[in-house]
Amino acid sequence: MVEDIIFFDTMRQGLWIAVMISTPMLAVALLAGVVIGLFQALTSIQEMTLTFVPKVGLMLAVFWVSMSFMSESLVAFFTERLIPMIAEI
């Protein structure tokens, strides 16, 4: 019973960290998609690469900027939560 609680709490923390790590890139992709969609609707340009290339470029830029935050979050989760659990086994 206690092991189940620890397991589910660890899973909850892991999923929350995954959400926090992915939020900046997903928010930029959503914002870029809306802006590009509005631009395409206003200008009647229906080019497929116009939506893909800027989104990927912006997501790569945000990934590069937030990479240290992502790494620090994952390292903290592993050192504070998972490694002590593995050491107990």
C-alpha atoms as a PDB file:
ATOM      1  CA  MET A   1       0.000   0.000   0.000  1.00  0.00           C
ATOM      2  CA  VAL A   2       2.734   2.462   0.969  1.00  0.00           C
ATOM      3  CA  GLU A   3       4.770   1.433  -2.071  1.00  0.00           C
ATOM      4  CA  ASP A   4       1.790   2.213  -4.299  1.00  0.00           C
ATOM      5  CA  ILE A   5       1.485   5.680  -2.809  1.00  0.00           C
ATOM      6  CA  ILE A   6       5.185   6.360  -3.349  1.00  0.00           C
ATOM      7  CA  PHE A   7       4.990   5.035  -6.917  1.00  0.00           C
ATOM      8  CA  PHE A   8       1.969   7.152  -7.839  1.00  0.00           C
ATOM      9  CA  ASP A   9       3.412  10.250  -6.191  1.00  0.00           C
ATOM     10  CA  THR A  10       6.642   9.800  -8.140  1.00  0.00           C
ATOM     11  CA  MET A  11       4.675   9.351 -11.360  1.00  0.00           C
ATOM     12  CA  ARG A  12       2.649  12.478 -10.597  1.00  0.00           C
ATOM     13  CA  GLN A  13       5.830  14.492 -10.033  1.00  0.00           C
ATOM     14  CA  GLY A  14       7.382  13.118 -13.214  1.00  0.00           C
ATOM     15  CA  LEU A  15       4.334  14.023 -15.279  1.00  0.00           C
ATOM     16  CA  TRP A  16       4.218  17.497 -13.760  1.00  0.00           C
ATOM     17  CA  ILE A  17       7.868  18.059 -14.658  1.00  0.00           C
ATOM     18  CA  ALA A  18       7.146  16.855 -18.200  1.00  0.00           C
ATOM     19  CA  VAL A  19       4.321  19.394 -18.453  1.00  0.00           C
ATOM     20  CA  MET A  20       6.491  22.199 -17.092  1.00  0.00           C
ATOM     21  CA  ILE A  21       9.334  21.355 -19.463  1.00  0.00           C
ATOM     22  CA  SER A  22       7.149  21.144 -22.559  1.00  0.00           C
ATOM     23  CA  THR A  23       4.994  24.211 -21.847  1.00  0.00           C
ATOM     24  CA  PRO A  24       7.323  26.878 -23.334  1.00  0.00           C
ATOM     25  CA  MET A  25       7.740  25.069 -26.656  1.00  0.00           C
ATOM     26  CA  LEU A  26       4.057  24.185 -26.935  1.00  0.00           C
ATOM     27  CA  ALA A  27       2.993  27.738 -26.097  1.00  0.00           C
ATOM     28  CA  VAL A  28       5.287  29.158 -28.778  1.00  0.00           C
ATOM     29  CA  ALA A  29       4.016  26.621 -31.323  1.00  0.00           C
ATOM     30  CA  LEU A  30       0.414  27.539 -30.509  1.00  0.00           C
ATOM     31  CA  LEU A  31       1.085  31.263 -30.698  1.00  0.00           C
ATOM     32  CA  ALA A  32       3.030  30.922 -33.956  1.00  0.00           C
ATOM     33  CA  GLY A  33       0.266  28.776 -35.443  1.00  0.00           C
ATOM     34  CA  VAL A  34      -2.385  31.343 -34.590  1.00  0.00           C
ATOM     35  CA  VAL A  35      -0.346  34.266 -35.942  1.00  0.00           C
ATOM     36  CA  ILE A  36       0.563  32.439 -39.147  1.00  0.00           C
ATOM     37  CA  GLY A  37      -3.023  31.243 -39.581  1.00  0.00           C
ATOM     38  CA  LEU A  38      -4.289  34.812 -39.262  1.00  0.00           C
ATOM     39  CA  PHE A  39      -1.658  35.987 -41.737  1.00  0.00           C
ATOM     40  CA  GLN A  40      -2.700  33.284 -44.213  1.00  0.00           C
ATOM     41  CA  ALA A  41      -6.383  34.128 -43.785  1.00  0.00           C
ATOM     42  CA  LEU A  42      -5.773  37.821 -44.319  1.00  0.00           C
ATOM     43  CA  THR A  43      -3.541  37.422 -47.377  1.00  0.00           C
ATOM     44  CA  SER A  44      -5.163  34.294 -48.897  1.00  0.00           C
ATOM     45  CA  ILE A  45      -1.760  32.618 -49.100  1.00  0.00           C
ATOM     46  CA  GLN A  46      -2.215  28.868 -48.609  1.00  0.00           C
ATOM     47  CA  GLU A  47       1.357  27.604 -48.641  1.00  0.00           C
ATOM     48  CA  MET A  48       1.999  24.551 -46.438  1.00  0.00           C
ATOM     49  CA  THR A  49       5.635  25.355 -45.727  1.00  0.00           C
ATOM     50  CA  LEU A  50       4.625  28.791 -44.456  1.00  0.00           C
ATOM     51  CA  THR A  51       3.100  27.156 -41.376  1.00  0.00           C
ATOM     52  CA  PHE A  52       5.750  24.500 -40.827  1.00  0.00           C
ATOM     53  CA  VAL A  53       9.088  26.295 -41.162  1.00  0.00           C
ATOM     54  CA  PRO A  54       8.453  29.248 -38.812  1.00  0.00           C
ATOM     55  CA  LYS A  55       6.945  26.976 -36.154  1.00  0.00           C
ATOM     56  CA  VAL A  56       9.930  24.642 -36.198  1.00  0.00           C
ATOM     57  CA  GLY A  57      12.362  27.560 -36.167  1.00  0.00           C
ATOM     58  CA  LEU A  58      10.659  29.225 -33.219  1.00  0.00           C
ATOM     59  CA  MET A  59      10.406  25.949 -31.316  1.00  0.00           C
ATOM     60  CA  LEU A  60      14.131  25.301 -31.832  1.00  0.00           C
ATOM     61  CA  ALA A  61      14.934  28.814 -30.612  1.00  0.00           C
ATOM     62  CA  VAL A  62      12.786  28.363 -27.493  1.00  0.00           C
ATOM     63  CA  PHE A  63      14.329  24.938 -26.899  1.00  0.00           C
ATOM     64  CA  TRP A  64      17.798  26.428 -27.099  1.00  0.00           C
ATOM     65  CA  VAL A  65      16.890  29.242 -24.685  1.00  0.00           C
ATOM     66  CA  SER A  66      15.085  27.011 -22.160  1.00  0.00           C
ATOM     67  CA  MET A  67      17.479  24.064 -22.343  1.00  0.00           C
ATOM     68  CA  SER A  68      19.191  24.984 -19.072  1.00  0.00           C
ATOM     69  CA  PHE A  69      15.836  25.165 -17.263  1.00  0.00           C
ATOM     70  CA  MET A  70      14.875  21.781 -18.675  1.00  0.00           C
ATOM     71  CA  SER A  71      18.176  20.194 -17.682  1.00  0.00           C
ATOM     72  CA  GLU A  72      18.093  21.650 -14.176  1.00  0.00           C
ATOM     73  CA  SER A  73      14.521  20.437 -13.645  1.00  0.00           C
ATOM     74  CA  LEU A  74      15.299  16.905 -14.752  1.00  0.00           C
ATOM     75  CA  VAL A  75      18.538  16.690 -12.782  1.00  0.00           C
ATOM     76  CA  ALA A  76      16.788  17.965  -9.654  1.00  0.00           C
ATOM     77  CA  PHE A  77      14.005  15.406 -10.059  1.00  0.00           C
ATOM     78  CA  PHE A  78      16.470  12.568 -10.483  1.00  0.00           C
ATOM     79  CA  THR A  79      18.798  13.581  -7.644  1.00  0.00           C
ATOM     80  CA  GLU A  80      16.059  14.443  -5.153  1.00  0.00           C
ATOM     81  CA  ARG A  81      13.499  11.767  -5.962  1.00  0.00           C
ATOM     82  CA  LEU A  82      14.642   8.852  -8.092  1.00  0.00           C
ATOM     83  CA  ILE A  83      18.226   8.247  -7.000  1.00  0.00           C
ATOM     84  CA  PRO A  84      17.316   8.021  -3.281  1.00  0.00           C
ATOM     85  CA  MET A  85      14.556   5.552  -4.179  1.00  0.00           C
ATOM     86  CA  ILE A  86      17.018   3.427  -6.172  1.00  0.00           C
ATOM     87  CA  ALA A  87      19.552   3.587  -3.322  1.00  0.00           C
ATOM     88  CA  GLU A  88      16.954   2.152  -0.906  1.00  0.00           C
ATOM     89  CA  ILE A  89      16.479  -0.967  -3.004  1.00  0.00           C
END
